[in-house]
Protein backbone atom coordinates (compact mmCIF):
# COMPACT_ATOMS: atom_id res chain seq x y z
CA MET A 1 28.78 5.50 20.61
CA ILE A 2 26.22 8.11 20.94
CA TYR A 3 22.87 7.40 19.75
CA GLY A 4 20.05 9.61 18.76
CA TYR A 5 16.57 8.99 18.72
CA ALA A 6 13.84 11.36 17.15
CA ARG A 7 10.16 10.24 17.19
CA CYS A 8 6.93 12.22 15.80
CA SER A 9 3.37 10.79 16.39
CA THR A 10 2.09 11.37 12.74
CA ASN A 11 3.73 10.63 8.94
CA GLU A 12 6.65 13.01 7.59
CA GLN A 13 3.79 15.00 5.71
CA LEU A 14 2.28 16.45 8.65
CA GLN A 15 5.33 16.50 10.97
CA ASP A 16 8.47 17.60 10.45
CA ILE A 17 11.20 15.39 12.13
CA ASN A 18 14.22 17.50 11.02
CA ARG A 19 14.10 20.12 13.76
CA GLN A 20 15.09 16.81 15.85
CA VAL A 21 17.47 15.29 13.61
CA ARG A 22 19.59 18.40 13.50
CA GLU A 23 19.70 18.89 17.33
CA LEU A 24 20.97 15.14 17.60
CA LYS A 25 23.69 15.66 15.00
CA GLN A 26 24.77 18.98 17.04
CA GLN A 27 25.02 16.61 19.98
CA GLY A 28 27.44 14.14 17.78
CA ALA A 29 24.99 11.18 16.83
CA THR A 30 25.03 10.16 12.72
CA ASP A 31 22.91 9.13 10.02
CA THR A 32 23.90 5.63 11.28
CA THR A 33 23.42 6.26 14.75
CA ILE A 34 19.78 8.06 14.65
CA TYR A 35 16.52 5.98 15.08
CA LEU A 36 13.68 7.78 13.39
CA GLU A 37 9.75 6.87 14.47
CA TYR A 38 6.56 7.77 13.42
CA GLU A 39 4.66 6.29 16.25
CA SER A 40 2.17 7.66 19.31
CA GLY A 41 4.70 8.27 22.46
CA THR A 42 2.46 6.07 24.12
CA LYS A 43 2.62 2.95 22.03
CA ILE A 44 4.89 0.61 24.09
CA ASN A 45 6.17 -1.82 21.31
CA ARG A 46 7.73 0.80 18.83
CA ALA A 47 10.06 -0.64 16.44
CA GLU A 48 12.71 1.70 16.32
CA LEU A 49 12.98 2.40 19.72
CA GLN A 50 13.01 -1.43 20.29
CA LYS A 51 16.62 -1.58 17.45
CA LEU A 52 17.67 1.29 19.37
CA LEU A 53 17.96 -0.42 22.83
CA SER A 54 18.79 -3.55 21.55
CA ALA A 55 22.06 -1.54 19.95
CA VAL A 56 23.45 0.21 22.50
CA GLN A 57 25.99 -1.34 24.63
CA THR A 58 27.49 -0.20 28.09
CA GLY A 59 29.13 3.52 27.94
CA ASP A 60 27.03 4.65 25.27
CA THR A 61 24.81 7.74 25.13
CA ILE A 62 21.46 8.00 24.12
CA PHE A 63 19.87 11.24 23.03
CA ALA A 64 16.32 12.66 22.66
CA THR A 65 15.68 16.15 22.32
CA GLU A 66 13.06 15.64 25.15
CA VAL A 67 11.50 13.01 27.41
CA SER A 68 8.57 13.06 25.23
CA ARG A 69 10.38 11.75 22.31
CA ILE A 70 11.67 8.74 23.93
CA THR A 71 7.62 7.92 25.36
CA ARG A 72 4.72 9.62 26.91
CA SER A 73 4.26 6.69 29.20
CA THR A 74 5.51 6.87 32.55
CA LYS A 75 5.45 3.18 32.78
CA GLN A 76 7.83 2.72 29.57
CA LEU A 77 10.24 5.81 31.40
CA CYS A 78 10.60 3.75 34.35
CA ASP A 79 11.23 0.59 32.44
CA ILE A 80 13.49 2.94 30.05
CA ILE A 81 15.60 4.15 33.40
CA GLU A 82 15.84 0.72 34.57
CA PHE A 83 17.33 -0.44 31.33
CA ALA A 84 20.15 2.21 30.85
CA LYS A 85 21.02 1.42 35.17
CA GLU A 86 21.14 -1.99 34.08
CA ARG A 87 23.24 -1.70 30.87
CA LYS A 88 25.42 1.23 32.33
CA ILE A 89 24.59 4.09 29.43
CA LYS A 90 23.63 7.81 29.75
CA LEU A 91 20.48 9.08 28.65
CA VAL A 92 20.47 12.91 27.35
CA LEU A 93 16.48 13.99 27.38
CA GLY A 94 16.93 17.55 26.28
CA ASN A 95 19.14 19.19 29.16
CA PHE A 96 18.76 16.87 31.35
CA VAL A 97 21.35 14.20 31.59
CA VAL A 98 20.82 10.94 33.67
CA ASP A 99 24.47 9.53 33.95
CA CYS A 100 23.84 5.78 34.30
CA THR A 101 27.61 4.69 33.58
CA LYS A 102 27.91 5.28 37.68
CA GLU A 103 25.69 4.57 40.25
CA LEU A 104 22.08 7.05 39.34
CA ASP A 105 21.32 9.93 41.88
CA PRO A 106 17.93 9.49 43.61
CA MET A 107 17.06 12.98 43.21
CA THR A 108 18.15 12.69 39.32
CA GLU A 109 15.77 9.72 38.84
CA GLY A 110 12.94 10.94 40.79
CA MET A 111 13.18 14.71 38.36
CA LEU A 112 13.32 12.30 35.29
CA LYS A 113 10.27 10.42 36.75
CA MET A 114 8.51 13.64 37.31
CA MET A 115 9.07 14.82 33.79
CA GLY A 116 7.63 11.47 32.48
CA VAL A 117 4.92 12.20 34.38
CA PHE A 118 3.82 15.43 33.17
CA ALA A 119 4.58 14.35 29.29
CA GLU A 120 2.09 11.67 29.86
CA LEU A 121 -0.40 14.40 31.46
CA GLU A 122 0.06 16.65 28.45
CA ARG A 123 -0.60 13.77 26.21
CA ASN A 124 -3.89 13.19 28.26
CA MET A 125 -4.72 16.58 28.30
CA ILE A 126 -4.06 17.07 24.26
CA SER A 127 -6.30 13.98 23.86
CA GLN A 128 -9.23 15.09 26.23
CA ARG A 129 -9.29 18.39 24.64
CA VAL A 130 -9.60 16.73 21.02
CA LYS A 131 -12.48 14.32 22.17
CA SER A 132 -14.21 17.29 23.71
CA GLY A 133 -13.74 19.50 20.72
CA MET A 134 -15.11 16.54 18.37
CA GLU A 135 -18.30 16.06 20.95
CA ASN A 136 -19.02 20.06 20.64
CA ALA A 137 -18.76 19.66 16.59
CA ARG A 138 -21.19 16.39 16.81
CA ALA A 139 -23.44 17.92 18.89
CA LYS A 140 -23.87 21.54 16.15
CA GLY A 141 -24.50 18.69 13.97
CA LYS A 142 -21.08 18.83 12.04
CA LYS A 143 -19.97 15.59 10.22
CA ILE A 144 -16.91 14.26 11.70
CA GLY A 145 -14.19 12.10 10.25
CA ARG A 146 -13.29 11.87 6.97
CA PRO A 147 -15.74 12.73 3.86
CA ALA A 148 -17.39 9.71 2.42
CA THR A 149 -15.40 8.84 -1.04
CA THR A 150 -17.21 9.15 -4.09
CA ALA A 151 -16.26 8.05 -7.83
CA ASP A 152 -15.26 12.32 -8.42
CA ASN A 153 -12.80 12.57 -5.53
CA ILE A 154 -11.08 8.98 -6.71
CA PRO A 155 -7.69 10.83 -7.89
CA ASN A 156 -6.99 10.81 -11.63
CA ILE A 157 -3.90 8.39 -11.29
CA PHE A 158 -6.41 6.00 -10.54
CA TYR A 159 -8.59 6.50 -13.85
CA LYS A 160 -5.45 7.07 -15.71
CA HIS A 161 -4.32 3.34 -15.29
CA TYR A 162 -8.01 1.82 -14.71
CA PRO A 163 -8.72 1.27 -18.38
CA LYS A 164 -5.35 -1.02 -18.42
CA TYR A 165 -7.19 -3.28 -15.19
CA GLN A 166 -10.42 -3.64 -16.91
CA LYS A 167 -8.87 -4.79 -20.43
CA GLY A 168 -6.84 -7.45 -17.83
CA GLU A 169 -3.35 -6.27 -18.53
CA LEU A 170 -3.06 -5.38 -15.23
CA ASN A 171 -3.60 -7.13 -11.69
CA LYS A 172 -5.22 -5.14 -8.46
CA LYS A 173 -1.56 -5.39 -7.32
CA GLU A 174 0.30 -4.48 -10.17
CA LEU A 175 -2.76 -1.09 -10.56
CA SER A 176 -1.85 -0.54 -7.19
CA ARG A 177 1.82 0.15 -7.08
CA LEU A 178 1.45 2.05 -10.66
CA CYS A 179 -1.10 4.34 -8.63
CA SER A 180 1.28 4.48 -5.92
CA LEU A 181 -2.08 3.33 -3.76
CA SER A 182 -2.23 1.11 -1.06
CA TYR A 183 -4.15 -2.05 -1.98
CA PRO A 184 -6.65 -2.21 0.52
CA THR A 185 -7.54 1.89 -1.29
CA VAL A 186 -7.27 0.40 -4.87
CA TYR A 187 -9.89 -2.26 -3.96
CA LYS A 188 -12.34 0.25 -2.41
CA TYR A 189 -11.64 2.63 -5.42
CA LEU A 190 -12.76 -0.86 -7.58
CA GLN A 191 -15.36 -1.17 -5.56
CA ILE A 192 -16.79 2.70 -5.79
CA VAL A 193 -16.13 2.39 -9.71
CA GLU A 194 -17.45 -0.73 -10.36
CA GLY A 195 -20.69 -0.66 -8.17
């Protein structure tokens, strides 16, 4: 069986995962065997990755477009390599093939671990640049983060349904559903509007 794993750090509105999905399908994975995840590559307990690892059987293949899609943690990559060796599966990460259906060549394992080190290093460098940029902006007196929510920038959909809530025709949960907003967001808007 051929499985695919595609991951982006942020949601589908901010990052497009379709390029990865296309490449995984070209390798033989299907809609039912591709696992999609919107999580940081440093997060250890990712739900879709865990489902994938639970689904694979001896002789199966897991494709990802690159090492950093599977993980940006060297420790977790080592754990995945050990898992692949135990299950006797094949990992294909970009153009790099790690065939654990037979005894893994030490040079291949070493190269894969080095790729993991570079993926983690890249992530740490990006994080450091972001922090440095934020510090620089703060030093120049710029405000960092989301602007404060005021009654003026609450979406119109909330105001459309708010009168029904005021009349008692809707509870907070129903207002949340009608506005397609999370319950905490609706609660925050109500606090702003009602003072």
